[in-house]
C-alpha atoms as a PDB file:
ATOM      1  CA  MET A   1       0.056   0.006   0.140  1.00  0.00           C
ATOM      2  CA  HIS A   2       1.479   3.408  -1.119  1.00  0.00           C
ATOM      3  CA  PHE A   3       0.998   6.099   1.479  1.00  0.00           C
ATOM      4  CA  THR A   4       1.638   9.745   1.762  1.00  0.00           C
ATOM      5  CA  LYS A   5       2.956  11.162   5.601  1.00  0.00           C
ATOM      6  CA  MET A   6       1.475  15.148   5.894  1.00  0.00           C
ATOM      7  CA  GLN A   7       0.853  17.382   8.750  1.00  0.00           C
ATOM      8  CA  GLY A   8      -0.670  20.726   9.261  1.00  0.00           C
ATOM      9  CA  CYS A   9       0.529  22.493  12.746  1.00  0.00           C
ATOM     10  CA  GLY A  10       2.369  19.150  13.608  1.00  0.00           C
ATOM     11  CA  ASN A  11      -1.131  17.181  13.559  1.00  0.00           C
ATOM     12  CA  ASP A  12       0.421  14.432  11.431  1.00  0.00           C
ATOM     13  CA  TYR A  13      -1.314  11.829   9.378  1.00  0.00           C
ATOM     14  CA  ILE A  14      -1.098   8.454   7.018  1.00  0.00           C
ATOM     15  CA  TYR A  15      -2.910   9.618   3.900  1.00  0.00           C
ATOM     16  CA  VAL A  16      -4.104   6.851   1.394  1.00  0.00           C
ATOM     17  CA  ASP A  17      -4.946   7.899  -2.164  1.00  0.00           C
ATOM     18  CA  CYS A  18      -7.989   5.485  -3.087  1.00  0.00           C
ATOM     19  CA  PHE A  19      -8.255   7.250  -6.196  1.00  0.00           C
ATOM     20  CA  ALA A  20      -5.018   5.177  -6.969  1.00  0.00           C
ATOM     21  CA  GLN A  21      -5.272   2.249  -5.036  1.00  0.00           C
ATOM     22  CA  LYS A  22      -8.375  -0.046  -3.346  1.00  0.00           C
ATOM     23  CA  PRO A  23      -9.000   1.371   0.319  1.00  0.00           C
ATOM     24  CA  PRO A  24      -7.443  -1.213   2.875  1.00  0.00           C
ATOM     25  CA  THR A  25      -9.794  -3.954   3.977  1.00  0.00           C
ATOM     26  CA  ASN A  26      -9.650  -2.877   7.603  1.00  0.00           C
ATOM     27  CA  ALA A  27      -8.692   0.621   8.327  1.00  0.00           C
ATOM     28  CA  PRO A  28      -9.330   0.579  12.059  1.00  0.00           C
ATOM     29  CA  ALA A  29      -6.921  -1.818  12.728  1.00  0.00           C
ATOM     30  CA  LEU A  30      -4.507  -0.569  10.094  1.00  0.00           C
ATOM     31  CA  SER A  31      -4.592   3.129  11.834  1.00  0.00           C
ATOM     32  CA  GLN A  32      -3.692   1.494  15.044  1.00  0.00           C
ATOM     33  CA  LYS A  33      -0.560  -0.143  13.408  1.00  0.00           C
ATOM     34  CA  ILE A  34       0.737   2.616  11.331  1.00  0.00           C
ATOM     35  CA  SER A  35      -0.261   5.335  13.877  1.00  0.00           C
ATOM     36  CA  ASP A  36       2.594   3.749  16.201  1.00  0.00           C
ATOM     37  CA  ARG A  37       5.089   5.586  16.734  1.00  0.00           C
ATOM     38  CA  HIS A  38       7.659   2.956  17.670  1.00  0.00           C
ATOM     39  CA  PHE A  39       6.635   0.285  15.832  1.00  0.00           C
ATOM     40  CA  GLY A  40       4.618   1.577  12.964  1.00  0.00           C
ATOM     41  CA  ILE A  41       5.176   4.874  10.452  1.00  0.00           C
ATOM     42  CA  GLY A  42       3.998   7.034  13.416  1.00  0.00           C
ATOM     43  CA  SER A  43       1.027   9.406  13.400  1.00  0.00           C
ATOM     44  CA  ASP A  44      -2.149  10.666  14.737  1.00  0.00           C
ATOM     45  CA  GLY A  45      -4.125   8.496  12.563  1.00  0.00           C
ATOM     46  CA  LEU A  46      -5.410   7.136   9.114  1.00  0.00           C
ATOM     47  CA  ILE A  47      -7.220   9.512   6.389  1.00  0.00           C
ATOM     48  CA  LEU A  48      -8.500   8.249   3.455  1.00  0.00           C
ATOM     49  CA  ILE A  49      -9.128  10.228   0.383  1.00  0.00           C
ATOM     50  CA  CYS A  50     -11.378   8.485  -1.544  1.00  0.00           C
ATOM     51  CA  PRO A  51     -13.708   9.618  -4.683  1.00  0.00           C
ATOM     52  CA  SER A  52     -17.068  11.402  -3.731  1.00  0.00           C
ATOM     53  CA  GLU A  53     -20.134  11.600  -6.138  1.00  0.00           C
ATOM     54  CA  LYS A  54     -20.935  15.229  -4.327  1.00  0.00           C
ATOM     55  CA  ALA A  55     -17.518  16.787  -4.309  1.00  0.00           C
ATOM     56  CA  ASP A  56     -14.178  17.000  -5.470  1.00  0.00           C
ATOM     57  CA  ALA A  57     -12.693  14.079  -2.866  1.00  0.00           C
ATOM     58  CA  ARG A  58     -14.211  11.957   0.347  1.00  0.00           C
ATOM     59  CA  MET A  59     -12.461  12.060   3.373  1.00  0.00           C
ATOM     60  CA  ILE A  60     -12.580   9.278   5.369  1.00  0.00           C
ATOM     61  CA  MET A  61     -10.440   9.584   9.051  1.00  0.00           C
ATOM     62  CA  PHE A  62      -9.527   7.373  12.184  1.00  0.00           C
ATOM     63  CA  ASN A  63      -8.079   8.294  15.121  1.00  0.00           C
ATOM     64  CA  ALA A  64      -4.733   6.287  16.325  1.00  0.00           C
ATOM     65  CA  ASP A  65      -6.839   3.945  18.723  1.00  0.00           C
ATOM     66  CA  GLY A  66      -8.809   2.840  15.243  1.00  0.00           C
ATOM     67  CA  SER A  67     -12.103   5.113  16.245  1.00  0.00           C
ATOM     68  CA  GLU A  68     -13.885   6.911  13.330  1.00  0.00           C
ATOM     69  CA  SER A  69     -13.970  10.682  13.486  1.00  0.00           C
ATOM     70  CA  GLU A  70     -16.405  13.090  11.742  1.00  0.00           C
ATOM     71  CA  MET A  71     -13.642  15.898  10.919  1.00  0.00           C
ATOM     72  CA  CYS A  72     -10.225  16.849  11.214  1.00  0.00           C
ATOM     73  CA  GLY A  73      -9.551  20.644  10.512  1.00  0.00           C
ATOM     74  CA  ASN A  74      -5.598  20.218  10.325  1.00  0.00           C
ATOM     75  CA  GLY A  75      -6.463  16.826   8.489  1.00  0.00           C
ATOM     76  CA  ILE A  76      -8.725  18.173   5.412  1.00  0.00           C
ATOM     77  CA  ARG A  77      -5.900  21.430   4.730  1.00  0.00           C
ATOM     78  CA  CYS A  78      -3.766  18.212   3.660  1.00  0.00           C
ATOM     79  CA  VAL A  79      -6.366  16.229   1.637  1.00  0.00           C
ATOM     80  CA  ALA A  80      -6.503  19.642  -0.025  1.00  0.00           C
ATOM     81  CA  LYS A  81      -3.130  20.083  -0.432  1.00  0.00           C
ATOM     82  CA  TYR A  82      -2.912  16.430  -1.663  1.00  0.00           C
ATOM     83  CA  VAL A  83      -5.831  16.641  -4.168  1.00  0.00           C
ATOM     84  CA  TYR A  84      -4.289  19.811  -5.817  1.00  0.00           C
ATOM     85  CA  ASP A  85      -0.585  18.816  -5.704  1.00  0.00           C
ATOM     86  CA  HIS A  86      -1.060  15.425  -7.207  1.00  0.00           C
ATOM     87  CA  ALA A  87      -3.774  16.376 -10.038  1.00  0.00           C
ATOM     88  CA  VAL A  88      -6.718  14.920  -8.636  1.00  0.00           C
ATOM     89  CA  ALA A  89      -8.418  18.417  -8.878  1.00  0.00           C
ATOM     90  CA  ARG A  90      -6.514  21.194  -9.734  1.00  0.00           C
ATOM     91  CA  LYS A  91      -8.769  23.970  -8.869  1.00  0.00           C
ATOM     92  CA  PRO A  92      -8.057  27.262  -6.497  1.00  0.00           C
ATOM     93  CA  THR A  93     -11.663  26.090  -4.612  1.00  0.00           C
ATOM     94  CA  LEU A  94     -11.944  22.682  -3.618  1.00  0.00           C
ATOM     95  CA  THR A  95     -14.701  20.601  -2.238  1.00  0.00           C
ATOM     96  CA  ILE A  96     -14.595  17.970  -0.021  1.00  0.00           C
ATOM     97  CA  GLU A  97     -16.743  15.455   1.515  1.00  0.00           C
ATOM     98  CA  THR A  98     -16.365  14.803   5.412  1.00  0.00           C
ATOM     99  CA  GLY A  99     -18.607  13.390   8.004  1.00  0.00           C
ATOM    100  CA  ARG A 100     -19.455  17.002   9.030  1.00  0.00           C
ATOM    101  CA  GLY A 101     -20.900  17.537   5.076  1.00  0.00           C
ATOM    102  CA  VAL A 102     -19.090  18.875   1.963  1.00  0.00           C
ATOM    103  CA  LEU A 103     -16.806  21.832   2.875  1.00  0.00           C
ATOM    104  CA  THR A 104     -15.453  24.235   0.820  1.00  0.00           C
ATOM    105  CA  LEU A 105     -11.435  25.066   0.694  1.00  0.00           C
ATOM    106  CA  ASP A 106      -9.573  28.028  -0.991  1.00  0.00           C
ATOM    107  CA  VAL A 107      -5.716  26.522  -1.971  1.00  0.00           C
ATOM    108  CA  GLU A 108      -3.096  29.355  -1.745  1.00  0.00           C
ATOM    109  CA  THR A 109      -0.309  27.972  -3.845  1.00  0.00           C
ATOM    110  CA  GLN A 110       3.476  28.748  -4.506  1.00  0.00           C
ATOM    111  CA  ALA A 111       5.194  27.319  -7.613  1.00  0.00           C
ATOM    112  CA  GLY A 112       2.466  24.991  -8.368  1.00  0.00           C
ATOM    113  CA  LYS A 113       2.349  23.483  -4.709  1.00  0.00           C
ATOM    114  CA  VAL A 114      -0.280  24.392  -2.122  1.00  0.00           C
ATOM    115  CA  GLN A 115       1.414  26.191   1.216  1.00  0.00           C
ATOM    116  CA  GLN A 116      -1.619  27.360   2.832  1.00  0.00           C
ATOM    117  CA  VAL A 117      -5.306  26.477   2.833  1.00  0.00           C
ATOM    118  CA  ARG A 118      -8.622  28.376   4.228  1.00  0.00           C
ATOM    119  CA  VAL A 119     -11.341  25.955   5.284  1.00  0.00           C
ATOM    120  CA  ASN A 120     -15.252  26.735   5.389  1.00  0.00           C
ATOM    121  CA  MET A 121     -15.988  25.263   8.519  1.00  0.00           C
ATOM    122  CA  GLY A 122     -19.126  25.425   8.147  1.00  0.00           C
ATOM    123  CA  GLU A 123     -21.540  26.567  11.153  1.00  0.00           C
ATOM    124  CA  PRO A 124     -20.575  25.544  14.878  1.00  0.00           C
ATOM    125  CA  ILE A 125     -23.369  23.090  16.234  1.00  0.00           C
ATOM    126  CA  LEU A 126     -24.589  24.709  19.499  1.00  0.00           C
ATOM    127  CA  ASP A 127     -27.578  22.434  20.626  1.00  0.00           C
ATOM    128  CA  ALA A 128     -26.575  20.610  23.585  1.00  0.00           C
ATOM    129  CA  ALA A 129     -28.123  17.233  22.223  1.00  0.00           C
ATOM    130  CA  ARG A 130     -26.091  17.472  19.012  1.00  0.00           C
ATOM    131  CA  ILE A 131     -23.320  18.241  20.381  1.00  0.00           C
ATOM    132  CA  PRO A 132     -23.710  16.163  22.252  1.00  0.00           C
ATOM    133  CA  THR A 133     -23.553  16.596  26.091  1.00  0.00           C
ATOM    134  CA  THR A 134     -26.030  16.547  29.042  1.00  0.00           C
ATOM    135  CA  LEU A 135     -24.741  19.714  30.006  1.00  0.00           C
ATOM    136  CA  ALA A 136     -27.445  22.112  30.836  1.00  0.00           C
ATOM    137  CA  GLY A 137     -27.660  25.003  28.434  1.00  0.00           C
ATOM    138  CA  ASN A 138     -27.683  25.351  24.162  1.00  0.00           C
ATOM    139  CA  PRO A 139     -24.914  25.559  23.823  1.00  0.00           C
ATOM    140  CA  PRO A 140     -23.382  25.019  27.825  1.00  0.00           C
ATOM    141  CA  ILE A 141     -21.776  28.381  28.151  1.00  0.00           C
ATOM    142  CA  ASP A 142     -18.666  28.623  31.183  1.00  0.00           C
ATOM    143  CA  VAL A 143     -20.527  25.822  33.230  1.00  0.00           C
ATOM    144  CA  PRO A 144     -19.393  23.899  36.025  1.00  0.00           C
ATOM    145  CA  LEU A 145     -18.299  20.258  35.152  1.00  0.00           C
ATOM    146  CA  PRO A 146     -19.427  18.005  37.817  1.00  0.00           C
ATOM    147  CA  GLY A 147     -16.463  15.774  39.386  1.00  0.00           C
ATOM    148  CA  PHE A 148     -13.995  18.497  38.013  1.00  0.00           C
ATOM    149  CA  ASP A 149     -12.824  22.080  39.231  1.00  0.00           C
ATOM    150  CA  VAL A 150     -13.261  23.385  36.088  1.00  0.00           C
ATOM    151  CA  ARG A 151     -15.872  25.281  34.110  1.00  0.00           C
ATOM    152  CA  ALA A 152     -16.664  24.588  30.573  1.00  0.00           C
ATOM    153  CA  THR A 153     -18.126  25.689  27.081  1.00  0.00           C
ATOM    154  CA  CYS A 154     -19.286  22.992  24.913  1.00  0.00           C
ATOM    155  CA  VAL A 155     -19.584  23.226  21.017  1.00  0.00           C
ATOM    156  CA  SER A 156     -19.482  20.799  17.685  1.00  0.00           C
ATOM    157  CA  VAL A 157     -17.909  21.645  14.577  1.00  0.00           C
ATOM    158  CA  GLY A 158     -18.986  18.332  13.253  1.00  0.00           C
ATOM    159  CA  ASN A 159     -17.415  16.466  16.208  1.00  0.00           C
ATOM    160  CA  PRO A 160     -17.588  17.124  20.061  1.00  0.00           C
ATOM    161  CA  HIS A 161     -15.474  19.943  22.088  1.00  0.00           C
ATOM    162  CA  CYS A 162     -15.166  20.924  25.543  1.00  0.00           C
ATOM    163  CA  VAL A 163     -13.461  23.964  25.830  1.00  0.00           C
ATOM    164  CA  ILE A 164     -12.026  25.340  29.505  1.00  0.00           C
ATOM    165  CA  PHE A 165     -10.349  27.994  29.942  1.00  0.00           C
ATOM    166  CA  VAL A 166      -7.960  28.496  32.705  1.00  0.00           C
ATOM    167  CA  ASP A 167      -5.039  31.389  33.668  1.00  0.00           C
ATOM    168  CA  ALA A 168      -2.211  29.146  33.088  1.00  0.00           C
ATOM    169  CA  ILE A 169      -1.934  25.591  30.730  1.00  0.00           C
ATOM    170  CA  THR A 170      -0.456  22.767  32.949  1.00  0.00           C
ATOM    171  CA  GLN A 171       0.352  19.226  32.408  1.00  0.00           C
ATOM    172  CA  HIS A 172      -2.121  18.453  34.767  1.00  0.00           C
ATOM    173  CA  HIS A 173      -4.679  20.076  33.084  1.00  0.00           C
ATOM    174  CA  VAL A 174      -3.484  17.844  29.643  1.00  0.00           C
ATOM    175  CA  HIS A 175      -2.564  15.152  30.911  1.00  0.00           C
ATOM    176  CA  ALA A 176      -4.675  14.089  34.097  1.00  0.00           C
ATOM    177  CA  ILE A 177      -7.755  16.337  33.508  1.00  0.00           C
ATOM    178  CA  GLY A 178      -8.155  15.850  29.973  1.00  0.00           C
ATOM    179  CA  PRO A 179      -8.278  11.899  29.463  1.00  0.00           C
ATOM    180  CA  GLU A 180     -10.954  12.019  32.222  1.00  0.00           C
ATOM    181  CA  ILE A 181     -13.133  14.558  30.853  1.00  0.00           C
ATOM    182  CA  GLU A 182     -12.896  12.642  27.352  1.00  0.00           C
ATOM    183  CA  LYS A 183     -14.640   9.680  28.842  1.00  0.00           C
ATOM    184  CA  ALA A 184     -17.007  11.490  31.049  1.00  0.00           C
ATOM    185  CA  ALA A 185     -20.628   9.646  31.012  1.00  0.00           C
ATOM    186  CA  ILE A 186     -21.729  13.545  30.684  1.00  0.00           C
ATOM    187  CA  PHE A 187     -20.151  13.166  26.849  1.00  0.00           C
ATOM    188  CA  PRO A 188     -21.899  10.284  25.353  1.00  0.00           C
ATOM    189  CA  ARG A 189     -19.827   9.990  22.379  1.00  0.00           C
ATOM    190  CA  LYS A 190     -16.693  11.404  24.408  1.00  0.00           C
ATOM    191  CA  THR A 191     -15.434  14.532  23.956  1.00  0.00           C
ATOM    192  CA  ASN A 192     -12.065  16.649  22.665  1.00  0.00           C
ATOM    193  CA  VAL A 193     -10.910  18.697  25.666  1.00  0.00           C
ATOM    194  CA  GLU A 194      -9.325  22.327  24.735  1.00  0.00           C
ATOM    195  CA  PHE A 195      -7.522  24.291  27.588  1.00  0.00           C
ATOM    196  CA  VAL A 196      -6.895  27.867  26.668  1.00  0.00           C
ATOM    197  CA  LYS A 197      -5.216  30.899  27.716  1.00  0.00           C
ATOM    198  CA  VAL A 198      -6.415  34.370  26.305  1.00  0.00           C
ATOM    199  CA  ASN A 199      -3.118  36.476  26.006  1.00  0.00           C
ATOM    200  CA  ARG A 200      -5.364  38.928  24.411  1.00  0.00           C
ATOM    201  CA  PRO A 201      -9.001  38.972  23.054  1.00  0.00           C
ATOM    202  CA  ASP A 202      -7.453  38.413  19.631  1.00  0.00           C
ATOM    203  CA  ASP A 203      -4.581  36.482  20.946  1.00  0.00           C
ATOM    204  CA  LEU A 204      -5.234  32.507  22.452  1.00  0.00           C
ATOM    205  CA  THR A 205      -2.485  29.856  23.553  1.00  0.00           C
ATOM    206  CA  MET A 206      -4.080  26.321  23.369  1.00  0.00           C
ATOM    207  CA  ARG A 207      -3.298  22.573  24.188  1.00  0.00           C
ATOM    208  CA  VAL A 208      -5.638  19.782  23.559  1.00  0.00           C
ATOM    209  CA  TRP A 209      -6.719  16.089  24.295  1.00  0.00           C
ATOM    210  CA  GLU A 210      -8.211  14.721  21.344  1.00  0.00           C
ATOM    211  CA  ARG A 211     -10.695  12.016  21.312  1.00  0.00           C
ATOM    212  CA  GLY A 212      -8.899   8.782  20.112  1.00  0.00           C
ATOM    213  CA  SER A 213      -5.550   9.941  19.855  1.00  0.00           C
ATOM    214  CA  GLY A 214      -4.445  12.024  23.062  1.00  0.00           C
ATOM    215  CA  GLU A 215      -2.372  15.016  23.016  1.00  0.00           C
ATOM    216  CA  THR A 216      -1.864  16.132  19.772  1.00  0.00           C
ATOM    217  CA  LEU A 217       0.442  19.584  18.481  1.00  0.00           C
ATOM    218  CA  ALA A 218      -2.442  21.179  16.852  1.00  0.00           C
ATOM    219  CA  CYS A 219      -6.464  20.250  16.493  1.00  0.00           C
ATOM    220  CA  GLY A 220      -8.064  22.547  13.590  1.00  0.00           C
ATOM    221  CA  THR A 221     -11.504  21.331  14.689  1.00  0.00           C
ATOM    222  CA  GLY A 222     -10.561  22.216  18.576  1.00  0.00           C
ATOM    223  CA  ALA A 223      -9.299  25.623  17.022  1.00  0.00           C
ATOM    224  CA  SER A 224     -12.461  26.562  15.331  1.00  0.00           C
ATOM    225  CA  ALA A 225     -14.583  25.249  18.755  1.00  0.00           C
ATOM    226  CA  VAL A 226     -12.079  27.462  20.789  1.00  0.00           C
ATOM    227  CA  CYS A 227     -12.867  30.560  18.396  1.00  0.00           C
ATOM    228  CA  VAL A 228     -16.715  30.081  19.069  1.00  0.00           C
ATOM    229  CA  ALA A 229     -16.265  29.722  22.669  1.00  0.00           C
ATOM    230  CA  GLY A 230     -14.457  32.400  23.233  1.00  0.00           C
ATOM    231  CA  VAL A 231     -17.300  34.943  22.117  1.00  0.00           C
ATOM    232  CA  LEU A 232     -20.115  33.029  23.688  1.00  0.00           C
ATOM    233  CA  ALA A 233     -18.159  33.363  26.797  1.00  0.00           C
ATOM    234  CA  GLY A 234     -17.306  37.061  26.109  1.00  0.00           C
ATOM    235  CA  ARG A 235     -13.748  35.979  26.362  1.00  0.00           C
ATOM    236  CA  SER A 236     -12.520  36.789  23.073  1.00  0.00           C
ATOM    237  CA  GLU A 237     -13.070  38.299  19.517  1.00  0.00           C
ATOM    238  CA  ARG A 238     -14.859  36.680  16.596  1.00  0.00           C
ATOM    239  CA  LYS A 239     -11.339  36.844  14.862  1.00  0.00           C
ATOM    240  CA  VAL A 240      -8.120  35.199  16.308  1.00  0.00           C
ATOM    241  CA  THR A 241      -4.707  34.027  16.316  1.00  0.00           C
ATOM    242  CA  ILE A 242      -4.651  31.081  18.276  1.00  0.00           C
ATOM    243  CA  HIS A 243      -1.048  28.941  18.790  1.00  0.00           C
ATOM    244  CA  LEU A 244      -0.943  25.568  19.340  1.00  0.00           C
ATOM    245  CA  LEU A 245       2.368  23.435  20.313  1.00  0.00           C
ATOM    246  CA  GLY A 246       2.642  23.039  16.229  1.00  0.00           C
ATOM    247  CA  GLY A 247       2.049  26.189  14.912  1.00  0.00           C
ATOM    248  CA  ASP A 248      -0.307  29.030  14.303  1.00  0.00           C
ATOM    249  CA  LEU A 249      -4.117  29.127  13.089  1.00  0.00           C
ATOM    250  CA  GLN A 250      -6.083  31.938  12.371  1.00  0.00           C
ATOM    251  CA  LEU A 251      -9.829  31.793  12.928  1.00  0.00           C
ATOM    252  CA  HIS A 252     -12.717  33.897  12.338  1.00  0.00           C
ATOM    253  CA  TRP A 253     -16.387  33.314  13.167  1.00  0.00           C
ATOM    254  CA  SER A 254     -18.023  35.347  10.446  1.00  0.00           C
ATOM    255  CA  GLU A 255     -21.277  37.361  11.632  1.00  0.00           C
ATOM    256  CA  LYS A 256     -22.315  37.597   7.931  1.00  0.00           C
ATOM    257  CA  ASP A 257     -23.010  33.920   7.554  1.00  0.00           C
ATOM    258  CA  ASN A 258     -22.391  32.258  10.625  1.00  0.00           C
ATOM    259  CA  HIS A 259     -19.786  30.255   9.551  1.00  0.00           C
ATOM    260  CA  VAL A 260     -16.327  29.147  11.116  1.00  0.00           C
ATOM    261  CA  TYR A 261     -13.510  29.886   8.809  1.00  0.00           C
ATOM    262  CA  MET A 262      -9.561  28.691   9.731  1.00  0.00           C
ATOM    263  CA  THR A 263      -6.649  29.382   7.671  1.00  0.00           C
ATOM    264  CA  GLY A 264      -3.016  27.217   7.841  1.00  0.00           C
ATOM    265  CA  PRO A 265      -0.578  25.212   6.679  1.00  0.00           C
ATOM    266  CA  ALA A 266      -0.494  21.946   4.834  1.00  0.00           C
ATOM    267  CA  VAL A 267       2.822  20.397   4.445  1.00  0.00           C
ATOM    268  CA  GLU A 268       4.124  16.619   2.512  1.00  0.00           C
ATOM    269  CA  VAL A 269       6.649  15.164   4.966  1.00  0.00           C
ATOM    270  CA  PHE A 270       7.240  11.775   2.592  1.00  0.00           C
ATOM    271  CA  SER A 271       5.833   9.032   0.915  1.00  0.00           C
ATOM    272  CA  GLY A 272       6.352   5.022   1.475  1.00  0.00           C
ATOM    273  CA  GLU A 273       5.298   1.657   1.053  1.00  0.00           C
ATOM    274  CA  TRP A 274       3.288  -0.351   3.870  1.00  0.00           C
ATOM    275  CA  ALA A 275       3.892  -3.850   3.463  1.00  0.00           C
ATOM    276  CA  ASP A 276       1.263  -4.712   5.719  1.00  0.00           C
ATOM    277  CA  GLY A 277      -1.858  -3.312   3.918  1.00  0.00           C
END
């Protein structure tokens, strides 16, 4: 099986071009194997780039633990780069089908290669039952988390997010509290957990514990959720720069159409052959 490793702000996935070859027979198990950073290729998961009847391509993604996820903001930027750079569809505006629906992406190129991508992430989902969470509020805004000494704002951008604003982000937050919140009963489909420090109303720092993958260097859907949560909680503006461990993302929750727009890099790292496909 031919694969390509790509990353957006350090959020790295293994990509398989299913236009050129058959999809793997057991993608969840394959994702677990190749994601292992000691015995596999090393990644945050597996993304299949497939034909679509609705869009230029379809993205199907699996976390490092083999669970399937609806969307990945950094991953979809890399899908757009692959689709453009490898001539699946060489257009300045691309459409990619995801578990979140069909999203539109504008690519910025240099010397014929995509360097940066702007993604229309769509409208945030603010209904608690659809996020989903059993916390009160549509959405829950700055509410206490039962069993945890923190307050949270919950948002979905196609997948669930629990955003927690703190004065300083610590290892204890991310690696002790994060995994417990991910699997808490108040989140029926588990959740991604973001810990956020507000530097200025237009400048935030974030670390993320991702559902099914653990801490990652970046999370595009997480950054989108943080942008929305910051506005809802009265902590930040609609246009923000978010600093992640792997780099910076630009976010804008537009008042005009209620959509969230995310801009960031997409990088191809290397390609190879995986014998046990």
